[in-house]
Amino acid sequence: MLRDEEITLISMAVANSLRSARESAGISKNALAQKAGVAVQTVAFIEGGVNSPSITTFLRLCAALEIEPEKILADARKQ
């Protein structure tokens, strides 16, 4: 079972990986939010580590970024 500290670290790594993917794609938080069908505040909170995305939101963000969810998770594991 994962400890709270480990969960926090994984969540932050996913947030960093999503932000890096967005920046690499050259799109703004607002553009990503619109493309994913979520509020820009949702993207900001996820990237800032305030909130973790639900599975649905995570998959929507990955689809909007045209990146496989496995790539985000693999990148997060490297951090």
PDB file of N, CA and C in Angstrom:
ATOM      1  N   MET A   1       0.846  -1.181   0.000  1.00  0.00           N
ATOM      2  CA  MET A   1       0.000   0.000   0.000  1.00  0.00           C
ATOM      3  C   MET A   1       0.893   1.246   0.000  1.00  0.00           C
ATOM      4  N   LEU A   2       0.507   2.200  -0.796  1.00  0.00           N
ATOM      5  CA  LEU A   2       1.273   3.440  -0.880  1.00  0.00           C
ATOM      6  C   LEU A   2       1.010   4.322   0.341  1.00  0.00           C
ATOM      7  N   ARG A   3       2.068   4.924   0.811  1.00  0.00           N
ATOM      8  CA  ARG A   3       1.931   5.898   1.897  1.00  0.00           C
ATOM      9  C   ARG A   3       1.497   7.234   1.303  1.00  0.00           C
ATOM     10  N   ASP A   4       0.941   8.076   2.171  1.00  0.00           N
ATOM     11  CA  ASP A   4       0.484   9.402   1.725  1.00  0.00           C
ATOM     12  C   ASP A   4       1.598  10.178   1.045  1.00  0.00           C
ATOM     13  N   GLU A   5       2.817  10.072   1.558  1.00  0.00           N
ATOM     14  CA  GLU A   5       3.950  10.799   0.982  1.00  0.00           C
ATOM     15  C   GLU A   5       4.231  10.328  -0.439  1.00  0.00           C
ATOM     16  N   GLU A   6       4.133   9.019  -0.657  1.00  0.00           N
ATOM     17  CA  GLU A   6       4.373   8.470  -1.981  1.00  0.00           C
ATOM     18  C   GLU A   6       3.288   8.919  -2.962  1.00  0.00           C
ATOM     19  N   ILE A   7       2.065   8.940  -2.500  1.00  0.00           N
ATOM     20  CA  ILE A   7       0.959   9.392  -3.338  1.00  0.00           C
ATOM     21  C   ILE A   7       1.163  10.850  -3.735  1.00  0.00           C
ATOM     22  N   THR A   8       1.580  11.666  -2.794  1.00  0.00           N
ATOM     23  CA  THR A   8       1.839  13.077  -3.068  1.00  0.00           C
ATOM     24  C   THR A   8       2.943  13.231  -4.108  1.00  0.00           C
ATOM     25  N   LEU A   9       4.017  12.468  -3.966  1.00  0.00           N
ATOM     26  CA  LEU A   9       5.126  12.544  -4.918  1.00  0.00           C
ATOM     27  C   LEU A   9       4.696  12.109  -6.320  1.00  0.00           C
ATOM     28  N   ILE A  10       3.914  11.051  -6.395  1.00  0.00           N
ATOM     29  CA  ILE A  10       3.430  10.580  -7.693  1.00  0.00           C
ATOM     30  C   ILE A  10       2.511  11.621  -8.314  1.00  0.00           C
ATOM     31  N   SER A  11       1.617  12.191  -7.529  1.00  0.00           N
ATOM     32  CA  SER A  11       0.701  13.220  -8.032  1.00  0.00           C
ATOM     33  C   SER A  11       1.460  14.421  -8.575  1.00  0.00           C
ATOM     34  N   MET A  12       2.480  14.842  -7.860  1.00  0.00           N
ATOM     35  CA  MET A  12       3.285  15.980  -8.323  1.00  0.00           C
ATOM     36  C   MET A  12       4.042  15.632  -9.600  1.00  0.00           C
ATOM     37  N   ALA A  13       4.538  14.404  -9.687  1.00  0.00           N
ATOM     38  CA  ALA A  13       5.257  13.985 -10.891  1.00  0.00           C
ATOM     39  C   ALA A  13       4.324  13.956 -12.095  1.00  0.00           C
ATOM     40  N   VAL A  14       3.098  13.489 -11.903  1.00  0.00           N
ATOM     41  CA  VAL A  14       2.110  13.497 -12.996  1.00  0.00           C
ATOM     42  C   VAL A  14       1.806  14.938 -13.392  1.00  0.00           C
ATOM     43  N   ALA A  15       1.632  15.810 -12.417  1.00  0.00           N
ATOM     44  CA  ALA A  15       1.370  17.228 -12.701  1.00  0.00           C
ATOM     45  C   ALA A  15       2.519  17.833 -13.514  1.00  0.00           C
ATOM     46  N   ASN A  16       3.747  17.534 -13.120  1.00  0.00           N
ATOM     47  CA  ASN A  16       4.910  18.047 -13.843  1.00  0.00           C
ATOM     48  C   ASN A  16       4.968  17.496 -15.262  1.00  0.00           C
ATOM     49  N   SER A  17       4.646  16.218 -15.414  1.00  0.00           N
ATOM     50  CA  SER A  17       4.666  15.598 -16.745  1.00  0.00           C
ATOM     51  C   SER A  17       3.598  16.199 -17.648  1.00  0.00           C
ATOM     52  N   LEU A  18       2.415  16.444 -17.103  1.00  0.00           N
ATOM     53  CA  LEU A  18       1.354  17.086 -17.888  1.00  0.00           C
ATOM     54  C   LEU A  18       1.767  18.498 -18.299  1.00  0.00           C
ATOM     55  N   ARG A  19       2.342  19.241 -17.370  1.00  0.00           N
ATOM     56  CA  ARG A  19       2.782  20.608 -17.685  1.00  0.00           C
ATOM     57  C   ARG A  19       3.864  20.576 -18.767  1.00  0.00           C
ATOM     58  N   SER A  20       4.819  19.673 -18.640  1.00  0.00           N
ATOM     59  CA  SER A  20       5.885  19.562 -19.637  1.00  0.00           C
ATOM     60  C   SER A  20       5.333  19.210 -21.009  1.00  0.00           C
ATOM     61  N   ALA A  21       4.363  18.297 -21.037  1.00  0.00           N
ATOM     62  CA  ALA A  21       3.747  17.912 -22.310  1.00  0.00           C
ATOM     63  C   ALA A  21       3.017  19.097 -22.929  1.00  0.00           C
ATOM     64  N   ARG A  22       2.315  19.853 -22.093  1.00  0.00           N
ATOM     65  CA  ARG A  22       1.598  21.036 -22.600  1.00  0.00           C
ATOM     66  C   ARG A  22       2.581  22.054 -23.150  1.00  0.00           C
ATOM     67  N   GLU A  23       3.633  22.314 -22.406  1.00  0.00           N
ATOM     68  CA  GLU A  23       4.622  23.292 -22.845  1.00  0.00           C
ATOM     69  C   GLU A  23       5.327  22.829 -24.118  1.00  0.00           C
ATOM     70  N   SER A  24       5.629  21.541 -24.210  1.00  0.00           N
ATOM     71  CA  SER A  24       6.260  20.996 -25.412  1.00  0.00           C
ATOM     72  C   SER A  24       5.347  21.124 -26.626  1.00  0.00           C
ATOM     73  N   ALA A  25       4.042  21.011 -26.374  1.00  0.00           N
ATOM     74  CA  ALA A  25       3.063  21.161 -27.461  1.00  0.00           C
ATOM     75  C   ALA A  25       2.881  22.631 -27.842  1.00  0.00           C
ATOM     76  N   GLY A  26       3.382  23.521 -26.996  1.00  0.00           N
ATOM     77  CA  GLY A  26       3.298  24.951 -27.289  1.00  0.00           C
ATOM     78  C   GLY A  26       1.901  25.520 -27.152  1.00  0.00           C
ATOM     79  N   ILE A  27       1.117  24.957 -26.222  1.00  0.00           N
ATOM     80  CA  ILE A  27      -0.228  25.496 -26.033  1.00  0.00           C
ATOM     81  C   ILE A  27      -0.384  26.040 -24.618  1.00  0.00           C
ATOM     82  N   SER A  28      -1.287  26.979 -24.495  1.00  0.00           N
ATOM     83  CA  SER A  28      -1.548  27.615 -23.205  1.00  0.00           C
ATOM     84  C   SER A  28      -2.444  26.729 -22.349  1.00  0.00           C
ATOM     85  N   LYS A  29      -2.510  27.060 -21.078  1.00  0.00           N
ATOM     86  CA  LYS A  29      -3.435  26.364 -20.177  1.00  0.00           C
ATOM     87  C   LYS A  29      -4.866  26.535 -20.667  1.00  0.00           C
ATOM     88  N   ASN A  30      -5.180  27.729 -21.110  1.00  0.00           N
ATOM     89  CA  ASN A  30      -6.532  28.011 -21.598  1.00  0.00           C
ATOM     90  C   ASN A  30      -6.865  27.165 -22.819  1.00  0.00           C
ATOM     91  N   ALA A  31      -5.936  27.077 -23.764  1.00  0.00           N
ATOM     92  CA  ALA A  31      -6.163  26.286 -24.969  1.00  0.00           C
ATOM     93  C   ALA A  31      -6.319  24.803 -24.631  1.00  0.00           C
ATOM     94  N   LEU A  32      -5.507  24.313 -23.717  1.00  0.00           N
ATOM     95  CA  LEU A  32      -5.618  22.914 -23.301  1.00  0.00           C
ATOM     96  C   LEU A  32      -6.960  22.659 -22.635  1.00  0.00           C
ATOM     97  N   ALA A  33      -7.354  23.560 -21.761  1.00  0.00           N
ATOM     98  CA  ALA A  33      -8.640  23.410 -21.068  1.00  0.00           C
ATOM     99  C   ALA A  33      -9.785  23.352 -22.073  1.00  0.00           C
ATOM    100  N   GLN A  34      -9.785  24.244 -23.034  1.00  0.00           N
ATOM    101  CA  GLN A  34     -10.848  24.256 -24.045  1.00  0.00           C
ATOM    102  C   GLN A  34     -10.860  22.967 -24.849  1.00  0.00           C
ATOM    103  N   LYS A  35      -9.689  22.527 -25.252  1.00  0.00           N
ATOM    104  CA  LYS A  35      -9.582  21.317 -26.063  1.00  0.00           C
ATOM    105  C   LYS A  35     -10.016  20.070 -25.281  1.00  0.00           C
ATOM    106  N   ALA A  36      -9.720  20.058 -23.973  1.00  0.00           N
ATOM    107  CA  ALA A  36     -10.050  18.906 -23.125  1.00  0.00           C
ATOM    108  C   ALA A  36     -11.468  18.977 -22.571  1.00  0.00           C
ATOM    109  N   GLY A  37     -12.099  20.142 -22.689  1.00  0.00           N
ATOM    110  CA  GLY A  37     -13.453  20.301 -22.166  1.00  0.00           C
ATOM    111  C   GLY A  37     -13.505  20.429 -20.652  1.00  0.00           C
ATOM    112  N   VAL A  38     -12.464  21.064 -20.095  1.00  0.00           N
ATOM    113  CA  VAL A  38     -12.428  21.309 -18.651  1.00  0.00           C
ATOM    114  C   VAL A  38     -12.180  22.795 -18.415  1.00  0.00           C
ATOM    115  N   ALA A  39     -12.368  23.225 -17.201  1.00  0.00           N
ATOM    116  CA  ALA A  39     -12.131  24.628 -16.859  1.00  0.00           C
ATOM    117  C   ALA A  39     -10.625  24.904 -16.807  1.00  0.00           C
ATOM    118  N   VAL A  40     -10.251  26.114 -17.199  1.00  0.00           N
ATOM    119  CA  VAL A  40      -8.834  26.487 -17.140  1.00  0.00           C
ATOM    120  C   VAL A  40      -8.320  26.393 -15.706  1.00  0.00           C
ATOM    121  N   GLN A  41      -9.173  26.681 -14.751  1.00  0.00           N
ATOM    122  CA  GLN A  41      -8.796  26.567 -13.338  1.00  0.00           C
ATOM    123  C   GLN A  41      -8.444  25.117 -12.991  1.00  0.00           C
ATOM    124  N   THR A  42      -9.121  24.173 -13.615  1.00  0.00           N
ATOM    125  CA  THR A  42      -8.817  22.759 -13.393  1.00  0.00           C
ATOM    126  C   THR A  42      -7.396  22.454 -13.838  1.00  0.00           C
ATOM    127  N   VAL A  43      -7.036  22.913 -15.021  1.00  0.00           N
ATOM    128  CA  VAL A  43      -5.678  22.706 -15.532  1.00  0.00           C
ATOM    129  C   VAL A  43      -4.665  23.372 -14.606  1.00  0.00           C
ATOM    130  N   ALA A  44      -4.933  24.595 -14.214  1.00  0.00           N
ATOM    131  CA  ALA A  44      -4.010  25.325 -13.335  1.00  0.00           C
ATOM    132  C   ALA A  44      -3.839  24.608 -11.998  1.00  0.00           C
ATOM    133  N   PHE A  45      -4.932  24.145 -11.422  1.00  0.00           N
ATOM    134  CA  PHE A  45      -4.853  23.450 -10.135  1.00  0.00           C
ATOM    135  C   PHE A  45      -4.112  22.122 -10.255  1.00  0.00           C
ATOM    136  N   ILE A  46      -4.317  21.408 -11.347  1.00  0.00           N
ATOM    137  CA  ILE A  46      -3.611  20.142 -11.541  1.00  0.00           C
ATOM    138  C   ILE A  46      -2.121  20.401 -11.722  1.00  0.00           C
ATOM    139  N   GLU A  47      -1.783  21.316 -12.612  1.00  0.00           N
ATOM    140  CA  GLU A  47      -0.369  21.612 -12.859  1.00  0.00           C
ATOM    141  C   GLU A  47       0.315  22.181 -11.631  1.00  0.00           C
ATOM    142  N   GLY A  48      -0.426  22.899 -10.828  1.00  0.00           N
ATOM    143  CA  GLY A  48       0.141  23.484  -9.615  1.00  0.00           C
ATOM    144  C   GLY A  48       0.194  22.533  -8.433  1.00  0.00           C
ATOM    145  N   GLY A  49      -0.353  21.337  -8.614  1.00  0.00           N
ATOM    146  CA  GLY A  49      -0.320  20.357  -7.540  1.00  0.00           C
ATOM    147  C   GLY A  49      -1.369  20.573  -6.472  1.00  0.00           C
ATOM    148  N   VAL A  50      -2.299  21.475  -6.728  1.00  0.00           N
ATOM    149  CA  VAL A  50      -3.366  21.743  -5.767  1.00  0.00           C
ATOM    150  C   VAL A  50      -4.361  20.595  -5.758  1.00  0.00           C
ATOM    151  N   ASN A  51      -4.701  20.105  -6.961  1.00  0.00           N
ATOM    152  CA  ASN A  51      -5.634  18.986  -7.119  1.00  0.00           C
ATOM    153  C   ASN A  51      -5.000  17.928  -8.004  1.00  0.00           C
ATOM    154  N   SER A  52      -5.406  16.701  -7.801  1.00  0.00           N
ATOM    155  CA  SER A  52      -5.038  15.616  -8.711  1.00  0.00           C
ATOM    156  C   SER A  52      -6.214  15.401  -9.665  1.00  0.00           C
ATOM    157  N   PRO A  53      -5.914  15.063 -10.918  1.00  0.00           N
ATOM    158  CA  PRO A  53      -7.017  14.867 -11.858  1.00  0.00           C
ATOM    159  C   PRO A  53      -7.752  13.554 -11.600  1.00  0.00           C
ATOM    160  N   SER A  54      -9.034  13.561 -11.878  1.00  0.00           N
ATOM    161  CA  SER A  54      -9.763  12.296 -11.899  1.00  0.00           C
ATOM    162  C   SER A  54      -9.243  11.508 -13.097  1.00  0.00           C
ATOM    163  N   ILE A  55      -9.561  10.239 -13.157  1.00  0.00           N
ATOM    164  CA  ILE A  55      -9.151   9.432 -14.308  1.00  0.00           C
ATOM    165  C   ILE A  55      -9.731  10.026 -15.594  1.00  0.00           C
ATOM    166  N   THR A  56     -10.980  10.432 -15.551  1.00  0.00           N
ATOM    167  CA  THR A  56     -11.622  11.012 -16.734  1.00  0.00           C
ATOM    168  C   THR A  56     -10.900  12.272 -17.190  1.00  0.00           C
ATOM    169  N   THR A  57     -10.611  13.156 -16.257  1.00  0.00           N
ATOM    170  CA  THR A  57      -9.917  14.400 -16.606  1.00  0.00           C
ATOM    171  C   THR A  57      -8.512  14.109 -17.111  1.00  0.00           C
ATOM    172  N   PHE A  58      -7.816  13.188 -16.481  1.00  0.00           N
ATOM    173  CA  PHE A  58      -6.474  12.798 -16.919  1.00  0.00           C
ATOM    174  C   PHE A  58      -6.515  12.309 -18.365  1.00  0.00           C
ATOM    175  N   LEU A  59      -7.477  11.444 -18.682  1.00  0.00           N
ATOM    176  CA  LEU A  59      -7.587  10.916 -20.042  1.00  0.00           C
ATOM    177  C   LEU A  59      -7.963  12.003 -21.038  1.00  0.00           C
ATOM    178  N   ARG A  60      -8.829  12.932 -20.630  1.00  0.00           N
ATOM    179  CA  ARG A  60      -9.191  14.058 -21.513  1.00  0.00           C
ATOM    180  C   ARG A  60      -7.985  14.943 -21.799  1.00  0.00           C
ATOM    181  N   LEU A  61      -7.196  15.209 -20.769  1.00  0.00           N
ATOM    182  CA  LEU A  61      -5.998  16.038 -20.954  1.00  0.00           C
ATOM    183  C   LEU A  61      -5.008  15.342 -21.881  1.00  0.00           C
ATOM    184  N   CYS A  62      -4.811  14.055 -21.678  1.00  0.00           N
ATOM    185  CA  CYS A  62      -3.897  13.306 -22.541  1.00  0.00           C
ATOM    186  C   CYS A  62      -4.381  13.325 -23.986  1.00  0.00           C
ATOM    187  N   ALA A  63      -5.677  13.115 -24.185  1.00  0.00           N
ATOM    188  CA  ALA A  63      -6.235  13.139 -25.544  1.00  0.00           C
ATOM    189  C   ALA A  63      -6.054  14.517 -26.174  1.00  0.00           C
ATOM    190  N   ALA A  64      -6.302  15.561 -25.402  1.00  0.00           N
ATOM    191  CA  ALA A  64      -6.151  16.922 -25.911  1.00  0.00           C
ATOM    192  C   ALA A  64      -4.695  17.224 -26.272  1.00  0.00           C
ATOM    193  N   LEU A  65      -3.785  16.630 -25.526  1.00  0.00           N
ATOM    194  CA  LEU A  65      -2.356  16.806 -25.792  1.00  0.00           C
ATOM    195  C   LEU A  65      -1.847  15.845 -26.863  1.00  0.00           C
ATOM    196  N   GLU A  66      -2.739  14.939 -27.295  1.00  0.00           N
ATOM    197  CA  GLU A  66      -2.389  13.914 -28.281  1.00  0.00           C
ATOM    198  C   GLU A  66      -1.192  13.103 -27.816  1.00  0.00           C
ATOM    199  N   ILE A  67      -1.283  12.663 -26.566  1.00  0.00           N
ATOM    200  CA  ILE A  67      -0.212  11.874 -25.953  1.00  0.00           C
ATOM    201  C   ILE A  67      -0.848  10.701 -25.209  1.00  0.00           C
ATOM    202  N   GLU A  68      -0.203   9.571 -25.265  1.00  0.00           N
ATOM    203  CA  GLU A  68      -0.720   8.392 -24.584  1.00  0.00           C
ATOM    204  C   GLU A  68      -0.580   8.566 -23.070  1.00  0.00           C
ATOM    205  N   PRO A  69      -1.602   8.192 -22.323  1.00  0.00           N
ATOM    206  CA  PRO A  69      -1.517   8.290 -20.854  1.00  0.00           C
ATOM    207  C   PRO A  69      -0.296   7.555 -20.292  1.00  0.00           C
ATOM    208  N   GLU A  70       0.057   6.449 -20.929  1.00  0.00           N
ATOM    209  CA  GLU A  70       1.222   5.681 -20.480  1.00  0.00           C
ATOM    210  C   GLU A  70       2.506   6.503 -20.555  1.00  0.00           C
ATOM    211  N   LYS A  71       2.593   7.382 -21.540  1.00  0.00           N
ATOM    212  CA  LYS A  71       3.779   8.252 -21.686  1.00  0.00           C
ATOM    213  C   LYS A  71       3.863   9.216 -20.510  1.00  0.00           C
ATOM    214  N   ILE A  72       2.748   9.802 -20.123  1.00  0.00           N
ATOM    215  CA  ILE A  72       2.725  10.716 -18.976  1.00  0.00           C
ATOM    216  C   ILE A  72       3.156   9.960 -17.713  1.00  0.00           C
ATOM    217  N   LEU A  73       2.596   8.769 -17.538  1.00  0.00           N
ATOM    218  CA  LEU A  73       2.927   7.984 -16.346  1.00  0.00           C
ATOM    219  C   LEU A  73       4.391   7.543 -16.358  1.00  0.00           C
ATOM    220  N   ALA A  74       4.895   7.159 -17.523  1.00  0.00           N
ATOM    221  CA  ALA A  74       6.309   6.768 -17.627  1.00  0.00           C
ATOM    222  C   ALA A  74       7.211   7.956 -17.309  1.00  0.00           C
ATOM    223  N   ASP A  75       6.864   9.130 -17.844  1.00  0.00           N
ATOM    224  CA  ASP A  75       7.647  10.338 -17.556  1.00  0.00           C
ATOM    225  C   ASP A  75       7.607  10.658 -16.063  1.00  0.00           C
ATOM    226  N   ALA A  76       6.440  10.476 -15.459  1.00  0.00           N
ATOM    227  CA  ALA A  76       6.303  10.744 -14.027  1.00  0.00           C
ATOM    228  C   ALA A  76       7.169   9.807 -13.196  1.00  0.00           C
ATOM    229  N   ARG A  77       7.275   8.562 -13.627  1.00  0.00           N
ATOM    230  CA  ARG A  77       8.093   7.577 -12.888  1.00  0.00           C
ATOM    231  C   ARG A  77       9.569   7.945 -12.924  1.00  0.00           C
ATOM    232  N   LYS A  78      10.000   8.644 -13.965  1.00  0.00           N
ATOM    233  CA  LYS A  78      11.408   9.010 -14.109  1.00  0.00           C
ATOM    234  C   LYS A  78      11.801  10.144 -13.168  1.00  0.00           C
ATOM    235  N   GLN A  79      10.825  10.868 -12.659  1.00  0.00           N
ATOM    236  CA  GLN A  79      11.120  12.049 -11.829  1.00  0.00           C
ATOM    237  C   GLN A  79      11.491  11.675 -10.417  1.00  0.00           C
TER     238      GLN A  79
END
